[in-house]
Amino acid sequence: MSNPDSNESQEKQVNEEEFNAQKENILKQILTSEARSRLNNIKMVKPELSNLVEKYLFGMATQGKMSSQITDDQLKKILSSIQQPKRDFKINRI
């Protein structure tokens, strides 16, 4: 007799793998090689930022709002708009 929780977790894992494969396939189609390389580099350093950008690009592509491939310069603009601005702190010592 199989455990129902085990079946649910296996099904969830399979669905997640299918979604990731579909996302990677779409990203390969909509990003130029330079942009894909930049996104992979960002994924190694800041995985949270990379996930946000991937979700954004995936959503735009599935909604049909992409007219052409995303270049490296366009990806830089997307990254700068998604990233929160850095805060500079100035400490004055007396």
Protein backbone atom coordinates (compact mmCIF):
# COMPACT_ATOMS: atom_id res chain seq x y z
CA MET A 1 0.00 0.00 0.00
CA SER A 2 1.51 3.35 -1.05
CA ASN A 3 1.50 6.47 0.99
CA PRO A 4 -0.77 9.24 -0.43
CA ASP A 5 1.64 11.94 0.73
CA SER A 6 4.44 10.24 -1.19
CA ASN A 7 2.38 10.26 -4.40
CA GLU A 8 1.56 13.95 -3.96
CA SER A 9 5.18 14.90 -3.43
CA GLN A 10 6.30 12.86 -6.46
CA GLU A 11 3.61 14.48 -8.61
CA LYS A 12 4.58 17.92 -7.36
CA GLN A 13 8.24 17.23 -8.13
CA VAL A 14 7.41 16.02 -11.65
CA ASN A 15 5.29 19.14 -12.28
CA GLU A 16 8.09 21.36 -11.02
CA GLU A 17 10.64 19.63 -13.25
CA GLU A 18 8.37 20.02 -16.28
CA PHE A 19 7.85 23.71 -15.50
CA ASN A 20 11.61 24.28 -15.13
CA ALA A 21 12.30 22.50 -18.42
CA GLN A 22 9.65 24.58 -20.18
CA LYS A 23 11.04 27.77 -18.62
CA GLU A 24 14.61 26.94 -19.70
CA ASN A 25 13.42 26.19 -23.23
CA ILE A 26 11.60 29.52 -23.52
CA LEU A 27 14.57 31.42 -22.05
CA LYS A 28 16.84 29.83 -24.66
CA GLN A 29 14.51 31.10 -27.37
CA ILE A 30 14.07 34.67 -26.12
CA LEU A 31 17.61 35.47 -24.90
CA THR A 32 20.67 36.04 -27.04
CA SER A 33 23.74 34.00 -26.11
CA GLU A 34 25.34 37.00 -24.36
CA ALA A 35 22.20 37.68 -22.34
CA ARG A 36 21.86 34.00 -21.41
CA SER A 37 25.49 33.98 -20.28
CA ARG A 38 24.93 37.07 -18.12
CA LEU A 39 21.81 35.54 -16.56
CA ASN A 40 23.71 32.34 -15.76
CA ASN A 41 26.49 34.36 -14.12
CA ILE A 42 23.93 36.23 -12.04
CA LYS A 43 22.32 32.92 -11.09
CA MET A 44 25.61 31.81 -9.49
CA VAL A 45 26.00 35.01 -7.47
CA LYS A 46 22.42 36.11 -6.76
CA PRO A 47 19.96 33.25 -7.34
CA GLU A 48 17.02 35.28 -5.97
CA LEU A 49 17.56 38.06 -8.51
CA SER A 50 17.98 35.53 -11.29
CA ASN A 51 14.70 33.85 -10.35
CA LEU A 52 12.87 37.19 -10.40
CA VAL A 53 14.23 38.01 -13.86
CA GLU A 54 13.45 34.53 -15.18
CA LYS A 55 9.87 34.74 -13.91
CA TYR A 56 9.48 38.19 -15.46
CA LEU A 57 10.85 37.07 -18.83
CA PHE A 58 8.82 33.84 -18.76
CA GLY A 59 5.65 35.80 -18.04
CA MET A 60 6.33 38.30 -20.82
CA ALA A 61 7.05 35.50 -23.29
CA THR A 62 3.96 33.47 -22.41
CA GLN A 63 1.77 36.58 -22.73
CA GLY A 64 3.20 37.26 -26.19
CA LYS A 65 4.73 40.62 -25.27
CA MET A 66 8.17 39.78 -26.72
CA SER A 67 8.69 41.01 -30.25
CA SER A 68 12.30 39.86 -30.62
CA GLN A 69 15.16 38.31 -28.66
CA ILE A 70 16.38 40.10 -25.53
CA THR A 71 19.90 41.43 -26.00
CA ASP A 72 22.51 41.84 -23.29
CA ASP A 73 21.85 45.59 -23.09
CA GLN A 74 18.11 45.04 -22.71
CA LEU A 75 18.77 42.46 -19.99
CA LYS A 76 20.97 44.99 -18.17
CA LYS A 77 18.08 47.49 -18.21
CA ILE A 78 15.67 44.84 -16.90
CA LEU A 79 18.14 43.93 -14.14
CA SER A 80 18.62 47.55 -13.08
CA SER A 81 14.86 48.10 -12.96
CA ILE A 82 14.27 44.96 -10.87
CA GLN A 83 17.13 45.47 -8.44
CA GLN A 84 16.42 47.58 -5.43
CA PRO A 85 18.59 50.67 -5.27
CA LYS A 86 21.59 50.41 -3.01
CA ARG A 87 21.57 52.60 0.03
CA ASP A 88 24.67 54.54 0.90
CA PHE A 89 25.34 55.20 4.52
CA LYS A 90 27.58 58.00 5.62
CA ILE A 91 28.88 57.96 9.16
CA ASN A 92 30.29 61.15 10.55
CA ARG A 93 32.60 60.66 13.49
CA ILE A 94 33.00 63.41 16.00
